[in-house]
C-alpha cells in the first residue's frame, strides 16, 4: 500500500504513537502486551494500527530475527504541530480565539510556559500593530 502522506493519526493511533515515543523503539510483542494491559484491543487490532501508522509515515519498522521493531519517524512535537495545523484549518476566523483560549485553559501550562506564551502574544501583537501602522 502506498504511503498516505500528511494523514493525521486517529485517537487510537495516537495512543500507539505515545507508547513508542515514551519507550523508544519497541518490538511488536512488547507493543501488543503493553497496549493489551491498557485497552481491550485484540492483537489483530494493534497490528492493524501499527500498519496504518507505518503507511501514514509516522512509524518505521525493521525486521529483527522473526520479529519487527517499530520506531517513531516523527517527533511528538512535529506530529502535534501538524495536528494543530489541521485543527486550525477547520476553524474559521470567529472561532480561532475561543479555540486557542480553550486549549490554553486545558493545557496545564506552568508559570514559565505561560510567561513564554505571553511573550509570544506580545510580540505578535506588536507585529500586528506595526503592520496596521504601515497601512
Protein backbone atom coordinates (compact mmCIF):
# COMPACT_ATOMS: atom_id res chain seq x y z
CA UNK A 1 0.00 0.00 0.00
CA UNK A 2 1.47 3.43 -0.90
CA UNK A 3 2.15 5.84 1.96
CA UNK A 4 -0.74 8.11 2.90
CA UNK A 5 1.35 11.23 3.46
CA UNK A 6 0.10 14.04 5.65
CA UNK A 7 -2.64 11.99 7.26
CA UNK A 8 -3.11 12.71 10.95
CA UNK A 9 -3.34 9.81 13.41
CA UNK A 10 -6.70 8.68 14.74
CA UNK A 11 -7.22 8.74 18.55
CA UNK A 12 -6.28 5.04 18.79
CA UNK A 13 -3.19 5.63 16.66
CA UNK A 14 -2.15 8.50 18.95
CA UNK A 15 -2.20 6.01 21.83
CA UNK A 16 0.16 3.69 19.95
CA UNK A 17 2.42 6.59 18.98
CA UNK A 18 2.56 7.82 22.57
CA UNK A 19 3.79 4.41 23.69
CA UNK A 20 6.54 4.32 21.06
CA UNK A 21 7.57 7.93 21.82
CA UNK A 22 7.72 7.20 25.54
CA UNK A 23 9.52 3.86 25.41
CA UNK A 24 11.60 4.23 22.24
CA UNK A 25 11.90 1.58 19.55
CA UNK A 26 9.82 -1.44 20.56
CA UNK A 27 9.26 -4.94 19.23
CA UNK A 28 5.75 -5.89 18.15
CA UNK A 29 5.18 -8.26 21.08
CA UNK A 30 6.04 -5.57 23.64
CA UNK A 31 3.71 -3.05 21.99
CA UNK A 32 0.93 -5.63 21.96
CA UNK A 33 1.50 -6.65 25.59
CA UNK A 34 1.57 -3.05 26.84
CA UNK A 35 -1.50 -1.94 24.88
CA UNK A 36 -3.49 -5.01 25.93
CA UNK A 37 -2.80 -4.06 29.56
CA UNK A 38 -4.19 -0.57 28.87
CA UNK A 39 -7.03 -1.37 26.46
CA UNK A 40 -9.35 -4.15 25.36
CA UNK A 41 -7.78 -4.26 21.87
CA UNK A 42 -7.06 -7.58 20.19
CA UNK A 43 -3.69 -8.48 18.74
CA UNK A 44 -5.04 -8.03 15.21
CA UNK A 45 -6.37 -4.55 16.06
CA UNK A 46 -2.97 -3.48 17.37
CA UNK A 47 -1.18 -4.89 14.33
CA UNK A 48 -3.63 -3.00 12.09
CA UNK A 49 -2.91 0.23 13.98
CA UNK A 50 0.83 -0.35 13.61
CA UNK A 51 0.48 -1.00 9.87
CA UNK A 52 -1.60 2.17 9.43
CA UNK A 53 0.98 4.25 11.29
CA UNK A 54 3.72 2.87 9.03
CA UNK A 55 1.56 3.56 5.94
CA UNK A 56 0.92 7.12 7.14
CA UNK A 57 4.64 7.70 7.69
CA UNK A 58 4.52 8.05 11.49
CA UNK A 59 6.38 4.82 12.31
CA UNK A 60 9.13 2.88 10.63
CA UNK A 61 9.72 -0.82 11.04
CA UNK A 62 12.69 -3.10 10.71
CA UNK A 63 12.97 -6.86 10.94
CA UNK A 64 14.99 -8.24 13.84
CA UNK A 65 15.07 -12.00 13.70
CA UNK A 66 11.50 -13.18 13.33
CA UNK A 67 10.02 -10.02 14.83
CA UNK A 68 9.62 -6.37 13.89
CA UNK A 69 10.78 -3.33 15.82
CA UNK A 70 8.82 -0.10 15.47
CA UNK A 71 10.39 3.36 15.77
CA UNK A 72 8.88 6.83 15.54
CA UNK A 73 9.72 8.66 12.32
CA UNK A 74 8.45 11.99 13.64
CA UNK A 75 8.92 13.68 16.98
CA UNK A 76 5.89 14.21 19.20
CA UNK A 77 6.27 17.96 18.64
CA UNK A 78 6.22 17.54 14.87
CA UNK A 79 3.14 15.32 14.93
CA UNK A 80 1.31 17.60 17.35
CA UNK A 81 2.23 20.68 15.32
CA UNK A 82 0.75 19.03 12.22
CA UNK A 83 -2.41 18.04 14.11
CA UNK A 84 -2.70 21.59 15.45
CA UNK A 85 -2.42 22.99 11.94
CA UNK A 86 -5.16 20.61 10.80
CA UNK A 87 -7.36 21.72 13.70
CA UNK A 88 -6.79 25.40 12.92
CA UNK A 89 -7.58 24.67 9.28
CA UNK A 90 -11.06 23.57 10.39
CA UNK A 91 -11.65 26.76 12.38
CA UNK A 92 -12.96 29.99 10.91
CA UNK A 93 -11.86 33.48 11.95
CA UNK A 94 -14.59 33.76 14.58
CA UNK A 95 -13.63 30.50 16.30
CA UNK A 96 -9.82 30.70 16.41
CA UNK A 97 -9.51 32.86 19.55
CA UNK A 98 -12.03 30.81 21.60
CA UNK A 99 -10.33 27.60 20.44
CA UNK A 100 -6.89 28.85 21.49
CA UNK A 101 -8.25 30.13 24.81
CA UNK A 102 -9.79 26.72 25.48
CA UNK A 103 -6.53 24.93 24.66
CA UNK A 104 -4.54 27.22 26.95
CA UNK A 105 -7.02 26.68 29.81
CA UNK A 106 -6.90 22.90 29.39
CA UNK A 107 -3.12 22.72 28.85
CA UNK A 108 -1.95 22.88 32.44
CA UNK A 109 0.91 25.20 31.46
CA UNK A 110 3.24 26.15 34.30
CA UNK A 111 4.26 29.72 35.17
CA UNK A 112 7.33 29.71 32.89
CA UNK A 113 5.38 28.31 29.94
CA UNK A 114 2.66 30.90 30.44
CA UNK A 115 5.30 33.66 30.52
CA UNK A 116 6.74 32.32 27.25
CA UNK A 117 3.26 32.28 25.72
CA UNK A 118 2.60 35.82 26.99
CA UNK A 119 5.85 36.99 25.37
CA UNK A 120 4.86 35.37 22.08
CA UNK A 121 1.45 37.06 22.18
CA UNK A 122 3.06 40.42 22.99
CA UNK A 123 5.48 40.03 20.06
CA UNK A 124 2.65 39.07 17.69
CA UNK A 125 0.54 41.99 18.94
CA UNK A 126 3.41 44.38 18.26
CA UNK A 127 3.92 42.91 14.78
CA UNK A 128 0.19 43.35 14.05
CA UNK A 129 0.29 46.95 15.30
CA UNK A 130 3.33 47.65 13.13
CA UNK A 131 1.53 46.20 10.07
CA UNK A 132 -1.58 48.31 10.80
CA UNK A 133 0.63 51.40 11.06
CA UNK A 134 2.01 50.73 7.59
CA UNK A 135 -1.50 50.68 6.08
